[in-house]
């Protein structure tokens, strides 16, 4: 038996199914010039989203639950895409299915900046998975950034301009004591909600945020319309106006894995996404995505396509500099 075959069989036995390694080694092509790639990785009942920007920078949002199988899946994807180091890494919030894998991922690939939840000080004492991630980020020499609304990252290239902005949570100084709550809904509601725009295509990533956060965003959008998140930002070439628009999104990554307490009717009527992406585990014990949520989508935005990692594996949206895009999945 050849040494290569032995290595693959051992990987199959101890890390992840052999077909995952073979599929990722052969099935993924590098990002093309001027392209943005948004990859929703199949990490079971968890979140791990890799964004590859046109200028070669990256943003990794969450890292799955940290199980050997899911970590190997993330590693094989990153390696197949030719990624040897990470730029920005974000823990949207501290649930284990989001931060469990981040310590190992950062230890392997490093990070230039890490975005941490607003409750991070208490998490260091009370959440072992988060504490491991924090220690790994410190060891990597990464810059720490607190996630709160209006934090914005702009491209360095005006010709292939993109930006992403955190829309929620708002500052604890504004929200007051609600960030001290410990119930599950409160923990989910401090999830970083991220807006991304490139070549006229608009994405919204909801983390585990539920209908309470959605209603806040919808109310703000109705009251202030396109001025709600508008501000002049400093870009490499001078002042650049940014104005996230939630009306008629191209892509909505549904909140809380498709739970019935997220992706509410009012929010769907506002965002009217052309496609809804679910990060969800096959046969999960929670019944995600909820039949109620799926029915709401069919009722409010009947033309929206639905993409689920439990059925389709890794999902990749590729946007070219002219705004055209493709969407595909590893099991198609």
Protein backbone atom coordinates (compact mmCIF):
# COMPACT_ATOMS: atom_id res chain seq x y z
CA UNK A 1 0.00 0.00 0.00
CA UNK A 2 1.42 3.39 -1.00
CA UNK A 3 2.32 5.97 1.63
CA UNK A 4 -0.15 8.45 0.10
CA UNK A 5 -3.02 5.98 0.39
CA UNK A 6 -2.11 5.21 4.00
CA UNK A 7 -2.19 8.93 4.83
CA UNK A 8 -5.60 9.34 3.19
CA UNK A 9 -7.05 6.33 4.98
CA UNK A 10 -5.77 7.57 8.32
CA UNK A 11 -7.27 10.96 7.63
CA UNK A 12 -10.53 9.28 6.77
CA UNK A 13 -10.54 7.34 10.02
CA UNK A 14 -9.51 10.09 12.38
CA UNK A 15 -10.31 13.44 10.82
CA UNK A 16 -13.02 13.49 8.21
CA UNK A 17 -14.56 11.35 5.48
CA UNK A 18 -12.20 10.58 2.61
CA UNK A 19 -14.69 11.95 0.08
CA UNK A 20 -14.47 15.36 1.75
CA UNK A 21 -10.71 15.50 1.25
CA UNK A 22 -10.87 14.30 -2.34
CA UNK A 23 -13.78 16.59 -3.24
CA UNK A 24 -12.12 19.66 -1.80
CA UNK A 25 -8.73 18.90 -3.31
CA UNK A 26 -10.21 18.51 -6.78
CA UNK A 27 -13.47 20.45 -6.74
CA UNK A 28 -12.54 24.03 -5.85
CA UNK A 29 -10.87 26.55 -8.09
CA UNK A 30 -9.07 29.65 -6.98
CA UNK A 31 -10.88 33.00 -6.81
CA UNK A 32 -10.56 34.84 -10.12
CA UNK A 33 -9.33 38.40 -10.63
CA UNK A 34 -11.85 40.94 -9.42
CA UNK A 35 -14.05 38.35 -7.76
CA UNK A 36 -15.59 38.23 -4.32
CA UNK A 37 -16.31 34.77 -2.91
CA UNK A 38 -18.62 34.14 0.04
CA UNK A 39 -18.33 30.58 1.32
CA UNK A 40 -20.82 29.20 3.85
CA UNK A 41 -19.03 26.09 5.05
CA UNK A 42 -20.80 22.92 6.09
CA UNK A 43 -19.79 22.52 9.74
CA UNK A 44 -22.93 20.77 10.92
CA UNK A 45 -25.13 22.66 13.37
CA UNK A 46 -22.84 25.67 13.57
CA UNK A 47 -21.51 28.63 11.63
CA UNK A 48 -18.30 29.15 9.68
CA UNK A 49 -18.28 31.66 6.82
CA UNK A 50 -15.20 32.53 4.80
CA UNK A 51 -15.26 35.70 2.68
CA UNK A 52 -12.52 36.16 0.09
CA UNK A 53 -12.33 39.75 -1.15
CA UNK A 54 -11.26 40.92 -4.61
CA UNK A 55 -7.98 42.28 -3.21
CA UNK A 56 -7.06 38.94 -1.66
CA UNK A 57 -7.99 39.84 1.92
CA UNK A 58 -10.18 37.52 3.98
CA UNK A 59 -12.79 37.61 6.71
CA UNK A 60 -13.61 34.43 8.62
CA UNK A 61 -16.83 34.69 10.63
CA UNK A 62 -16.97 31.96 13.29
CA UNK A 63 -15.29 28.57 13.23
CA UNK A 64 -17.84 25.85 13.92
CA UNK A 65 -17.96 23.70 17.03
CA UNK A 66 -14.33 22.57 17.07
CA UNK A 67 -14.98 18.87 16.56
CA UNK A 68 -12.21 16.97 14.76
CA UNK A 69 -14.45 16.30 11.77
CA UNK A 70 -15.54 19.89 11.34
CA UNK A 71 -12.07 21.34 11.91
CA UNK A 72 -10.65 19.02 9.26
CA UNK A 73 -13.42 20.14 6.94
CA UNK A 74 -12.52 23.81 7.48
CA UNK A 75 -8.80 23.13 7.06
CA UNK A 76 -9.29 21.23 3.82
CA UNK A 77 -11.44 24.03 2.41
CA UNK A 78 -8.96 26.78 3.32
CA UNK A 79 -6.05 24.75 1.98
CA UNK A 80 -7.88 23.96 -1.25
CA UNK A 81 -8.51 27.69 -1.74
CA UNK A 82 -4.82 28.38 -1.30
CA UNK A 83 -5.24 30.30 1.96
CA UNK A 84 -2.16 30.13 4.16
CA UNK A 85 -2.97 32.96 6.56
CA UNK A 86 -6.12 34.80 7.61
CA UNK A 87 -6.75 38.53 7.76
CA UNK A 88 -9.84 39.32 9.82
CA UNK A 89 -11.41 36.72 12.12
CA UNK A 90 -14.70 37.38 13.88
CA UNK A 91 -16.44 35.61 16.72
CA UNK A 92 -19.99 36.81 16.11
CA UNK A 93 -20.89 35.70 19.63
CA UNK A 94 -19.73 33.10 22.12
CA UNK A 95 -21.96 30.06 21.54
CA UNK A 96 -19.87 26.90 21.24
CA UNK A 97 -21.15 26.08 17.74
CA UNK A 98 -19.65 29.39 16.57
CA UNK A 99 -16.42 29.79 18.58
CA UNK A 100 -15.52 26.17 19.33
CA UNK A 101 -13.18 25.86 16.36
CA UNK A 102 -11.68 29.35 16.33
CA UNK A 103 -8.77 28.65 18.70
CA UNK A 104 -7.46 25.84 16.50
CA UNK A 105 -8.08 27.77 13.28
CA UNK A 106 -6.25 30.87 14.53
CA UNK A 107 -3.40 28.77 15.89
CA UNK A 108 -2.99 27.18 12.45
CA UNK A 109 -3.57 30.19 10.14
CA UNK A 110 -3.03 33.22 12.37
CA UNK A 111 -5.03 36.45 12.15
CA UNK A 112 -4.30 40.12 11.60
CA UNK A 113 -7.41 41.37 13.44
CA UNK A 114 -9.93 39.56 15.62
CA UNK A 115 -13.39 40.97 16.24
CA UNK A 116 -14.77 40.06 19.65
CA UNK A 117 -18.24 40.37 21.21
CA UNK A 118 -19.10 43.27 23.48
CA UNK A 119 -19.47 40.88 26.42
CA UNK A 120 -15.96 39.52 25.97
CA UNK A 121 -14.66 40.33 29.46
CA UNK A 122 -17.17 38.11 31.24
CA UNK A 123 -16.72 35.42 28.59
CA UNK A 124 -13.07 34.94 29.48
CA UNK A 125 -14.09 33.67 32.91
CA UNK A 126 -17.26 31.78 31.99
CA UNK A 127 -16.72 30.33 28.51
CA UNK A 128 -13.82 27.91 28.03
CA UNK A 129 -14.11 27.77 24.23
CA UNK A 130 -14.06 31.54 23.98
CA UNK A 131 -11.13 31.78 26.41
CA UNK A 132 -9.12 29.36 24.22
CA UNK A 133 -9.88 31.47 21.16
CA UNK A 134 -8.85 34.64 22.99
CA UNK A 135 -5.56 33.07 24.07
CA UNK A 136 -4.84 31.82 20.54
CA UNK A 137 -5.57 35.28 19.12
CA UNK A 138 -3.22 36.87 21.66
CA UNK A 139 -0.50 34.38 20.76
CA UNK A 140 -0.95 35.20 17.06
CA UNK A 141 -0.26 38.88 17.71
CA UNK A 142 -3.61 39.91 16.25
CA UNK A 143 -5.16 43.30 16.88
CA UNK A 144 -8.35 43.06 18.97
CA UNK A 145 -11.41 45.00 17.80
CA UNK A 146 -14.71 45.29 19.68
CA UNK A 147 -17.74 44.47 17.48
CA UNK A 148 -20.28 47.27 17.51
CA UNK A 149 -22.37 49.03 14.93
CA UNK A 150 -20.76 51.33 12.35
CA UNK A 151 -17.39 49.57 12.50
CA UNK A 152 -16.53 49.50 8.81
CA UNK A 153 -13.79 48.00 6.66
CA UNK A 154 -13.23 49.40 3.17
CA UNK A 155 -11.20 48.06 0.30
CA UNK A 156 -7.88 49.63 -0.51
CA UNK A 157 -8.73 49.73 -4.23
CA UNK A 158 -11.26 52.20 -5.58
CA UNK A 159 -11.67 50.30 -8.86
CA UNK A 160 -12.83 47.14 -7.10
CA UNK A 161 -14.53 48.81 -4.19
CA UNK A 162 -16.17 46.78 -1.43
CA UNK A 163 -16.99 47.43 2.17
CA UNK A 164 -18.45 45.59 5.10
CA UNK A 165 -20.04 47.11 8.17
CA UNK A 166 -21.29 45.82 11.50
CA UNK A 167 -24.93 46.90 11.86
CA UNK A 168 -25.59 45.40 15.29
CA UNK A 169 -25.15 45.25 18.23
CA UNK A 170 -25.27 48.86 19.25
CA UNK A 171 -22.96 50.22 21.92
CA UNK A 172 -23.64 49.00 25.50
CA UNK A 173 -23.65 52.69 26.47
CA UNK A 174 -26.77 53.04 24.33
CA UNK A 175 -28.37 49.69 25.09
CA UNK A 176 -27.76 49.85 28.83
CA UNK A 177 -28.02 46.80 31.07
CA UNK A 178 -29.55 44.44 28.50
CA UNK A 179 -26.05 43.17 27.68
CA UNK A 180 -25.83 41.82 31.20
CA UNK A 181 -28.67 39.36 30.63
CA UNK A 182 -27.71 35.70 30.50
CA UNK A 183 -30.72 34.04 28.83
CA UNK A 184 -30.20 32.47 25.41
CA UNK A 185 -32.11 35.14 23.49
CA UNK A 186 -29.95 37.87 25.03
CA UNK A 187 -26.76 35.99 24.16
CA UNK A 188 -27.93 35.55 20.59
CA UNK A 189 -28.95 39.19 20.28
CA UNK A 190 -25.39 40.40 20.83
CA UNK A 191 -24.38 38.54 17.66
CA UNK A 192 -22.53 40.72 15.21
CA UNK A 193 -24.78 41.42 12.21
CA UNK A 194 -22.62 42.13 9.15
CA UNK A 195 -23.53 43.89 5.90
CA UNK A 196 -21.34 43.42 2.82
CA UNK A 197 -21.54 45.17 -0.53
CA UNK A 198 -19.55 44.67 -3.73
CA UNK A 199 -20.33 45.54 -7.35
CA UNK A 200 -23.91 46.41 -6.41
CA UNK A 201 -24.55 43.04 -4.73
CA UNK A 202 -25.61 43.15 -1.11
CA UNK A 203 -25.27 40.50 1.59
CA UNK A 204 -26.49 40.42 5.19
CA UNK A 205 -25.14 37.91 7.73
CA UNK A 206 -27.35 37.62 10.83
CA UNK A 207 -25.28 35.36 13.10
CA UNK A 208 -27.70 34.03 15.72
CA UNK A 209 -29.63 37.32 16.03
CA UNK A 210 -33.39 36.85 16.33
CA UNK A 211 -36.55 38.78 15.62
CA UNK A 212 -35.87 41.40 18.32
CA UNK A 213 -32.75 42.56 16.49
CA UNK A 214 -34.49 42.25 13.13
CA UNK A 215 -37.30 44.49 14.35
CA UNK A 216 -34.80 47.09 15.59
CA UNK A 217 -33.11 47.15 12.19
CA UNK A 218 -36.45 47.27 10.37
CA UNK A 219 -37.72 50.12 12.56
CA UNK A 220 -34.55 52.12 11.99
CA UNK A 221 -34.74 51.52 8.28
CA UNK A 222 -38.36 52.70 8.10
CA UNK A 223 -37.74 55.77 10.23
CA UNK A 224 -34.51 56.95 8.63
CA UNK A 225 -34.69 55.13 5.27
CA UNK A 226 -31.37 55.13 3.42
CA UNK A 227 -29.77 57.44 6.00
CA UNK A 228 -29.88 54.95 8.87
CA UNK A 229 -26.32 53.68 8.45
CA UNK A 230 -25.00 56.35 6.08
CA UNK A 231 -21.78 58.11 6.91
CA UNK A 232 -18.64 59.40 5.15
CA UNK A 233 -15.78 56.97 5.71
CA UNK A 234 -12.09 57.57 5.15
CA UNK A 235 -10.77 55.40 2.32
CA UNK A 236 -7.26 55.15 0.89
CA UNK A 237 -8.28 57.59 -1.89
CA UNK A 238 -10.19 60.06 0.32
CA UNK A 239 -13.69 60.29 1.72
CA UNK A 240 -16.08 57.57 0.59
CA UNK A 241 -19.78 57.60 1.41
CA UNK A 242 -21.15 54.26 2.60
CA UNK A 243 -24.86 53.61 3.00
CA UNK A 244 -25.99 50.04 3.69
CA UNK A 245 -29.43 49.42 2.23
CA UNK A 246 -31.50 46.56 3.62
CA UNK A 247 -34.29 46.91 1.06
CA UNK A 248 -34.20 44.14 -1.51
CA UNK A 249 -31.05 42.24 -0.54
CA UNK A 250 -29.38 39.81 -2.91
CA UNK A 251 -28.36 37.36 -0.17
CA UNK A 252 -29.54 36.86 3.41
CA UNK A 253 -27.69 34.44 5.63
CA UNK A 254 -30.59 33.54 7.94
CA UNK A 255 -30.26 34.10 11.68
CA UNK A 256 -29.95 31.32 14.25
CA UNK A 257 -29.75 28.46 11.73
CA UNK A 258 -33.30 29.01 10.55
CA UNK A 259 -34.89 28.92 14.00
CA UNK A 260 -38.54 30.01 14.25
CA UNK A 261 -37.39 32.95 16.42
CA UNK A 262 -35.53 34.57 13.50
CA UNK A 263 -36.13 35.58 9.86
CA UNK A 264 -39.46 37.13 10.81
CA UNK A 265 -42.17 38.30 8.44
CA UNK A 266 -41.53 42.04 8.86
CA UNK A 267 -37.83 41.56 8.25
CA UNK A 268 -38.46 39.48 5.14
CA UNK A 269 -40.82 42.16 3.79
CA UNK A 270 -38.05 44.72 4.25
CA UNK A 271 -35.11 42.70 2.93
CA UNK A 272 -36.91 40.68 0.20
CA UNK A 273 -33.80 38.56 -0.39
CA UNK A 274 -33.26 36.90 -3.75
CA UNK A 275 -31.56 33.99 -1.95
CA UNK A 276 -31.61 32.80 1.66
CA UNK A 277 -28.64 30.81 2.98
CA UNK A 278 -28.92 28.46 5.95
CA UNK A 279 -25.99 27.10 7.95
CA UNK A 280 -27.55 24.03 9.53
CA UNK A 281 -26.62 20.49 10.52
CA UNK A 282 -28.17 17.42 8.93
CA UNK A 283 -30.70 15.77 11.25
CA UNK A 284 -30.06 18.29 14.02
CA UNK A 285 -32.00 17.93 17.27
CA UNK A 286 -33.48 21.44 17.03
CA UNK A 287 -35.45 20.92 13.85
CA UNK A 288 -33.54 23.68 12.04
CA UNK A 289 -34.44 25.19 9.71
CA UNK A 290 -37.89 25.51 11.21
CA UNK A 291 -40.85 24.66 9.00
CA UNK A 292 -42.36 27.93 10.23
CA UNK A 293 -39.38 29.89 8.92
CA UNK A 294 -39.41 28.10 5.58
CA UNK A 295 -43.15 28.76 5.24
CA UNK A 296 -42.61 32.46 5.98
CA UNK A 297 -40.02 32.68 3.23
CA UNK A 298 -42.31 30.96 0.72
CA UNK A 299 -45.16 33.27 1.69
CA UNK A 300 -43.36 36.63 1.82
CA UNK A 301 -40.67 36.16 -0.85
CA UNK A 302 -41.92 33.26 -2.98
CA UNK A 303 -39.26 33.88 -5.61
CA UNK A 304 -36.34 33.50 -3.18
CA UNK A 305 -34.10 30.49 -3.61
CA UNK A 306 -33.18 28.54 -0.47
CA UNK A 307 -29.69 27.11 0.05
CA UNK A 308 -28.98 24.78 2.99
CA UNK A 309 -25.65 23.33 4.07
CA UNK A 310 -27.34 20.19 5.45
CA UNK A 311 -28.60 19.36 1.96
CA UNK A 312 -25.98 20.96 -0.28
CA UNK A 313 -22.72 21.02 1.71
CA UNK A 314 -20.47 24.05 1.32
CA UNK A 315 -22.23 26.93 -0.46
CA UNK A 316 -20.22 29.45 -2.49
CA UNK A 317 -21.43 32.74 -3.98
CA UNK A 318 -19.02 34.32 -6.46
CA UNK A 319 -19.53 37.95 -7.53
CA UNK A 320 -17.56 39.40 -10.45
CA UNK A 321 -16.55 43.03 -10.78
CA UNK A 322 -19.47 43.72 -13.15
CA UNK A 323 -22.00 42.49 -10.57
CA UNK A 324 -22.78 39.17 -12.23
CA UNK A 325 -22.71 36.25 -9.85
CA UNK A 326 -22.91 32.50 -9.59
CA UNK A 327 -24.01 30.38 -6.65
CA UNK A 328 -23.15 26.74 -6.23
CA UNK A 329 -22.56 24.04 -3.66
CA UNK A 330 -20.24 21.11 -3.13
CA UNK A 331 -22.99 18.50 -3.42
CA UNK A 332 -24.57 19.80 -6.61
